[in-house]
Amino acid sequence: MDSAPSKAERHSLIKQIVKDVRLDTQEGLVAELRGHGVVCTQATVSRDIKELRLTKIQFDDGKNYYAEPGGSEQPLVDRLLEAFSNGYLSSDFSGNIAVIKTVVGMAPACALAIDAVQWPEVVGTLAGDDTILVVTKSVSASKRFVKKIEGLHK
């Protein structure tokens, strides 16, 4: 690209790159963009990943790479099941907050799947590397949510 691409053009290129190349780090994505003539920082790529709702998905080689949500035609619940089968460890709740423990690196994918399903109990999620805080509407909603999550993992 001769001049700095617009955000929409950069987002379009990022989507194409993650379809064509298996990338597991933001730095790798920055390097790929640079290879396409787009110079940007890791911070910009981090924001782009959030805005595009990219997540890491386990591929057939057993490693996790960036991918677009909905890249396949799986129903949302199937995507949730897949994310949790790859990363779920445990869940519990206190008051209207549920805490989900995952394998390191899988919390963002699991939280994205929870958000996508849009269960009525859930107000929102916040994911770290291996922990998800799920704010629910009430104590009873937390209890129902944790039972649903535990039921998915069985």
Protein backbone atom coordinates (compact mmCIF):
# COMPACT_ATOMS: atom_id res chain seq x y z
CA MET A 1 0.00 0.00 0.00
CA ASP A 2 1.45 3.34 -1.01
CA SER A 3 -0.01 5.43 1.81
CA ALA A 4 -1.21 4.53 5.27
CA PRO A 5 -4.33 2.40 4.84
CA SER A 6 -7.58 3.39 6.47
CA LYS A 7 -8.66 1.46 9.53
CA ALA A 8 -11.25 -0.39 7.43
CA GLU A 9 -8.58 -1.38 4.89
CA ARG A 10 -6.25 -2.55 7.68
CA HIS A 11 -9.08 -4.56 9.25
CA SER A 12 -9.87 -6.16 5.91
CA LEU A 13 -6.21 -7.09 5.44
CA ILE A 14 -6.00 -8.52 8.98
CA LYS A 15 -9.04 -10.71 8.30
CA GLN A 16 -7.43 -11.99 5.11
CA ILE A 17 -4.11 -12.63 6.85
CA VAL A 18 -5.63 -14.69 9.67
CA LYS A 19 -7.48 -16.78 7.08
CA ASP A 20 -4.28 -17.44 5.13
CA VAL A 21 -1.57 -17.58 7.81
CA ARG A 22 -1.52 -19.27 11.20
CA LEU A 23 -0.46 -16.59 13.67
CA ASP A 24 -0.25 -17.06 17.41
CA THR A 25 1.15 -13.68 18.50
CA GLN A 26 0.35 -10.03 17.96
CA GLU A 27 3.97 -9.48 16.98
CA GLY A 28 3.56 -12.05 14.22
CA LEU A 29 0.55 -10.16 12.92
CA VAL A 30 2.51 -6.88 13.00
CA ALA A 31 5.25 -8.57 10.94
CA GLU A 32 2.72 -9.94 8.43
CA LEU A 33 1.15 -6.51 8.05
CA ARG A 34 4.60 -5.01 7.50
CA GLY A 35 5.14 -7.61 4.76
CA HIS A 36 2.03 -6.20 3.09
CA GLY A 37 3.39 -2.65 3.35
CA VAL A 38 1.36 -1.69 6.42
CA VAL A 39 3.45 -0.36 9.29
CA CYS A 40 1.68 -0.24 12.65
CA THR A 41 2.43 -0.86 16.30
CA GLN A 42 1.61 -3.85 18.45
CA ALA A 43 -0.77 -1.58 20.41
CA THR A 44 -2.69 -0.80 17.21
CA VAL A 45 -2.87 -4.49 16.34
CA SER A 46 -4.08 -5.25 19.87
CA ARG A 47 -6.95 -2.78 19.43
CA ASP A 48 -7.70 -4.20 15.97
CA ILE A 49 -7.88 -7.73 17.40
CA LYS A 50 -10.41 -6.57 19.99
CA GLU A 51 -12.47 -4.61 17.47
CA LEU A 52 -12.51 -7.52 15.00
CA ARG A 53 -13.25 -9.91 17.88
CA LEU A 54 -10.48 -12.22 16.77
CA THR A 55 -9.88 -15.11 19.10
CA LYS A 56 -7.43 -17.96 19.31
CA ILE A 57 -8.79 -21.29 18.19
CA GLN A 58 -7.08 -24.66 18.43
CA PHE A 59 -6.18 -26.04 15.02
CA ASP A 60 -5.46 -29.60 13.94
CA ASP A 61 -1.80 -29.31 15.00
CA GLY A 62 -2.95 -28.74 18.59
CA LYS A 63 -1.75 -25.12 18.69
CA ASN A 64 -3.91 -22.01 19.11
CA TYR A 65 -3.97 -19.41 16.35
CA TYR A 66 -5.92 -16.23 15.68
CA ALA A 67 -9.17 -16.69 13.79
CA GLU A 68 -12.32 -14.73 13.11
CA PRO A 69 -15.34 -15.56 15.23
CA GLY A 70 -17.99 -17.17 13.11
CA GLY A 71 -15.37 -18.12 10.55
CA SER A 72 -17.14 -21.42 10.38
CA GLU A 73 -20.86 -21.92 10.19
CA GLN A 74 -21.07 -23.57 13.63
CA PRO A 75 -23.97 -22.48 15.77
CA LEU A 76 -22.95 -20.34 18.73
CA VAL A 77 -23.50 -23.06 21.29
CA ASP A 78 -21.24 -25.41 19.31
CA ARG A 79 -18.51 -22.76 19.36
CA LEU A 80 -18.98 -22.41 23.11
CA LEU A 81 -18.69 -26.17 23.53
CA GLU A 82 -15.53 -26.23 21.42
CA ALA A 83 -13.90 -23.38 23.34
CA PHE A 84 -14.75 -24.97 26.66
CA SER A 85 -13.68 -28.46 25.63
CA ASN A 86 -10.25 -27.01 24.84
CA GLY A 87 -9.83 -24.76 27.83
CA TYR A 88 -12.28 -25.15 30.73
CA LEU A 89 -10.91 -26.17 34.13
CA SER A 90 -13.46 -25.13 36.77
CA SER A 91 -16.16 -22.66 37.74
CA ASP A 92 -17.70 -21.26 40.88
CA PHE A 93 -19.62 -18.18 41.96
CA SER A 94 -19.94 -15.68 44.76
CA GLY A 95 -22.93 -13.39 44.73
CA ASN A 96 -23.64 -12.21 41.21
CA ILE A 97 -20.12 -12.96 39.95
CA ALA A 98 -19.13 -16.29 38.46
CA VAL A 99 -15.45 -17.16 38.10
CA ILE A 100 -14.29 -19.55 35.41
CA LYS A 101 -10.77 -20.96 35.39
CA THR A 102 -9.31 -22.02 32.03
CA VAL A 103 -6.09 -23.31 30.57
CA VAL A 104 -3.62 -20.43 30.17
CA GLY A 105 -4.46 -18.42 27.05
CA MET A 106 -7.99 -19.79 26.61
CA ALA A 107 -9.97 -17.37 28.78
CA PRO A 108 -10.46 -14.77 25.97
CA ALA A 109 -11.84 -17.41 23.59
CA CYS A 110 -14.16 -18.82 26.23
CA ALA A 111 -15.36 -15.34 27.25
CA LEU A 112 -16.02 -14.43 23.62
CA ALA A 113 -18.08 -17.58 23.23
CA ILE A 114 -20.08 -16.78 26.38
CA ASP A 115 -20.74 -13.26 25.07
CA ALA A 116 -21.79 -14.60 21.67
CA VAL A 117 -24.39 -16.97 23.14
CA GLN A 118 -26.08 -14.05 24.94
CA TRP A 119 -27.54 -15.99 27.83
CA PRO A 120 -30.09 -13.89 29.72
CA GLU A 121 -28.31 -14.43 33.06
CA VAL A 122 -25.10 -12.77 31.84
CA VAL A 123 -24.55 -9.02 32.08
CA GLY A 124 -20.96 -9.19 30.80
CA THR A 125 -17.58 -10.90 30.93
CA LEU A 126 -14.02 -9.85 31.65
CA ALA A 127 -11.23 -12.21 30.63
CA GLY A 128 -7.65 -12.40 31.72
CA ASP A 129 -5.25 -15.07 30.52
CA ASP A 130 -6.71 -17.99 32.46
CA THR A 131 -9.65 -16.53 34.40
CA ILE A 132 -13.02 -15.12 33.35
CA LEU A 133 -15.20 -12.98 35.60
CA VAL A 134 -18.82 -13.24 34.56
CA VAL A 135 -21.18 -10.66 36.02
CA THR A 136 -24.70 -12.00 36.25
CA LYS A 137 -28.02 -10.36 37.10
CA SER A 138 -28.40 -11.98 40.52
CA VAL A 139 -27.14 -14.68 42.86
CA SER A 140 -29.67 -17.13 41.45
CA ALA A 141 -28.57 -16.19 37.91
CA SER A 142 -24.96 -16.97 38.88
CA LYS A 143 -26.02 -20.36 40.18
CA ARG A 144 -27.95 -21.14 36.95
CA PHE A 145 -25.04 -19.92 34.81
CA VAL A 146 -22.47 -22.08 36.61
CA LYS A 147 -24.76 -25.12 36.27
CA LYS A 148 -25.04 -24.45 32.51
CA ILE A 149 -21.27 -24.14 32.17
CA GLU A 150 -20.63 -27.29 34.19
CA GLY A 151 -23.25 -29.09 32.09
CA LEU A 152 -21.43 -28.13 28.90
CA HIS A 153 -18.19 -29.59 30.15
CA LYS A 154 -19.54 -33.04 31.05
